[in-house]
Protein backbone atom coordinates (compact mmCIF):
# COMPACT_ATOMS: atom_id res chain seq x y z
CA UNK A 1 30.64 -76.02 -42.05
CA UNK A 2 28.16 -77.32 -44.64
CA UNK A 3 28.39 -80.77 -43.07
CA UNK A 4 27.72 -79.40 -39.68
CA UNK A 5 24.65 -77.51 -40.94
CA UNK A 6 23.44 -80.62 -42.71
CA UNK A 7 23.97 -82.65 -39.52
CA UNK A 8 22.16 -80.16 -37.43
CA UNK A 9 19.35 -79.95 -39.90
CA UNK A 10 19.16 -83.79 -39.88
CA UNK A 11 19.11 -83.83 -36.11
CA UNK A 12 16.26 -81.14 -36.10
CA UNK A 13 14.23 -83.28 -38.55
CA UNK A 14 14.83 -86.33 -36.43
CA UNK A 15 13.81 -84.40 -33.30
CA UNK A 16 10.65 -83.15 -35.15
CA UNK A 17 9.78 -86.65 -36.27
CA UNK A 18 10.30 -87.98 -32.77
CA UNK A 19 8.02 -85.16 -31.36
CA UNK A 20 5.38 -85.83 -34.05
CA UNK A 21 5.55 -89.57 -33.28
CA UNK A 22 5.28 -88.88 -29.52
CA UNK A 23 2.23 -86.54 -30.14
CA UNK A 24 0.62 -89.10 -32.37
CA UNK A 25 1.13 -91.84 -29.60
CA UNK A 26 -0.30 -89.41 -26.98
CA UNK A 27 -3.34 -88.74 -29.19
CA UNK A 28 -3.80 -92.51 -29.75
CA UNK A 29 -3.46 -93.23 -26.09
CA UNK A 30 -5.98 -90.49 -25.25
CA UNK A 31 -8.39 -91.80 -27.77
CA UNK A 32 -8.06 -95.33 -26.40
CA UNK A 33 -8.75 -94.02 -22.87
CA UNK A 34 -11.71 -92.06 -24.13
CA UNK A 35 -13.10 -95.18 -25.80
CA UNK A 36 -12.56 -97.28 -22.64
CA UNK A 37 -14.34 -94.63 -20.55
CA UNK A 38 -17.19 -94.42 -23.06
CA UNK A 39 -17.52 -98.22 -23.02
CA UNK A 40 -17.62 -98.22 -19.17
CA UNK A 41 -20.23 -95.34 -19.24
CA UNK A 42 -22.27 -97.22 -21.78
CA UNK A 43 -22.26 -100.39 -19.55
CA UNK A 44 -23.17 -98.34 -16.54
CA UNK A 45 -26.09 -96.73 -18.44
CA UNK A 46 -27.26 -100.14 -19.67
CA UNK A 47 -27.16 -101.51 -16.15
CA UNK A 48 -29.11 -98.47 -14.78
CA UNK A 49 -31.74 -98.84 -17.61
CA UNK A 50 -32.04 -102.58 -16.92
CA UNK A 51 -32.53 -101.83 -13.25
CA UNK A 52 -35.14 -99.17 -14.04
CA UNK A 53 -37.05 -101.51 -16.40
CA UNK A 54 -36.97 -104.27 -13.79
CA UNK A 55 -38.26 -101.91 -11.11
CA UNK A 56 -41.03 -100.70 -13.43
CA UNK A 57 -41.99 -104.26 -14.15
CA UNK A 58 -42.01 -105.15 -10.49
CA UNK A 59 -44.27 -102.11 -9.81
CA UNK A 60 -46.65 -103.05 -12.63
CA UNK A 61 -46.76 -106.63 -11.34
CA UNK A 62 -47.48 -105.34 -7.81
CA UNK A 63 -50.24 -103.03 -9.07
CA UNK A 64 -51.72 -105.80 -11.06
CA UNK A 65 -51.71 -108.09 -7.97
CA UNK A 66 -53.39 -105.39 -5.87
CA UNK A 67 -56.02 -104.80 -8.59
CA UNK A 68 -56.66 -108.62 -8.68
CA UNK A 69 -57.06 -108.70 -4.91
CA UNK A 70 -59.41 -105.75 -4.95
CA UNK A 71 -61.52 -107.43 -7.58
CA UNK A 72 -61.54 -110.66 -5.66
CA UNK A 73 -62.70 -108.75 -2.50
CA UNK A 74 -65.42 -106.92 -4.50
CA UNK A 75 -66.50 -110.37 -5.92
CA UNK A 76 -66.50 -111.83 -2.46
CA UNK A 77 -68.71 -109.01 -1.12
CA UNK A 78 -71.07 -109.35 -4.04
CA UNK A 79 -71.40 -113.12 -3.34
CA UNK A 80 -72.01 -112.40 0.34
CA UNK A 81 -74.65 -109.82 -0.54
CA UNK A 82 -76.34 -112.12 -2.98
CA UNK A 83 -76.36 -114.92 -0.39
CA UNK A 84 -77.97 -112.49 2.15
CA UNK A 85 -80.58 -111.46 -0.49
CA UNK A 86 -81.24 -115.16 -1.20
CA UNK A 87 -81.72 -116.01 2.44
CA UNK A 88 -83.93 -112.89 2.96
CA UNK A 89 -86.05 -113.86 -0.07
CA UNK A 90 -86.40 -117.42 1.11
CA UNK A 91 -87.49 -116.22 4.55
CA UNK A 92 -90.09 -113.91 3.00
CA UNK A 93 -91.37 -116.69 0.74
CA UNK A 94 -91.49 -119.10 3.70
CA UNK A 95 -93.44 -116.44 5.72
CA UNK A 96 -95.92 -115.94 2.80
CA UNK A 97 -96.31 -119.62 2.42
CA UNK A 98 -96.98 -120.00 6.17
CA UNK A 99 -99.53 -117.15 6.12
CA UNK A 100 -101.34 -118.67 3.08
CA UNK A 101 -101.31 -122.12 4.86
CA UNK A 102 -102.73 -120.60 8.02
CA UNK A 103 -105.46 -118.75 5.97
CA UNK A 104 -106.28 -122.04 4.15
CA UNK A 105 -106.37 -123.94 7.44
CA UNK A 106 -108.61 -121.21 8.94
CA UNK A 107 -110.83 -121.25 5.80
CA UNK A 108 -111.06 -125.07 5.98
CA UNK A 109 -112.03 -124.95 9.75
CA UNK A 110 -114.60 -122.21 8.98
CA UNK A 111 -116.12 -124.35 6.18
CA UNK A 112 -116.21 -127.41 8.34
CA UNK A 113 -117.72 -125.35 11.08
CA UNK A 114 -120.44 -123.94 8.77
CA UNK A 115 -121.07 -127.36 7.25
CA UNK A 116 -121.46 -128.79 10.75
CA UNK A 117 -123.86 -125.96 11.66
CA UNK A 118 -125.93 -126.57 8.51
CA UNK A 119 -126.09 -130.30 9.28
CA UNK A 120 -127.06 -129.49 12.83
CA UNK A 121 -129.85 -127.11 11.56
CA UNK A 122 -131.00 -129.68 9.05
CA UNK A 123 -131.22 -132.33 11.74
CA UNK A 124 -133.18 -129.91 13.94
CA UNK A 125 -135.67 -129.21 11.15
């Protein structure tokens, strides 16, 4: 009877140890699975972040290019306006010079005419 109880107790202990070992293995397997899932999740997050950063960089690059084009267009317009102003100024200066030349020519003709009249009058006298 004592041996049977001892045997039964030994079997219970063995069963308990096996159950504990099984539980421990299940916990370890669950922990490994959790770590694998966490690693996969971390990789996915890193890929998403990389993609987001790349998109942001592309948007910044595009915005910088658009800004550069706008500035180039503004510069082009300024150059065209300056060219128009230069042409207009040259035209005005040419017109002024032409008027001054005509005035000088008219004044010269008038002086010559008066001089000729004075000579004519002096010859008559």
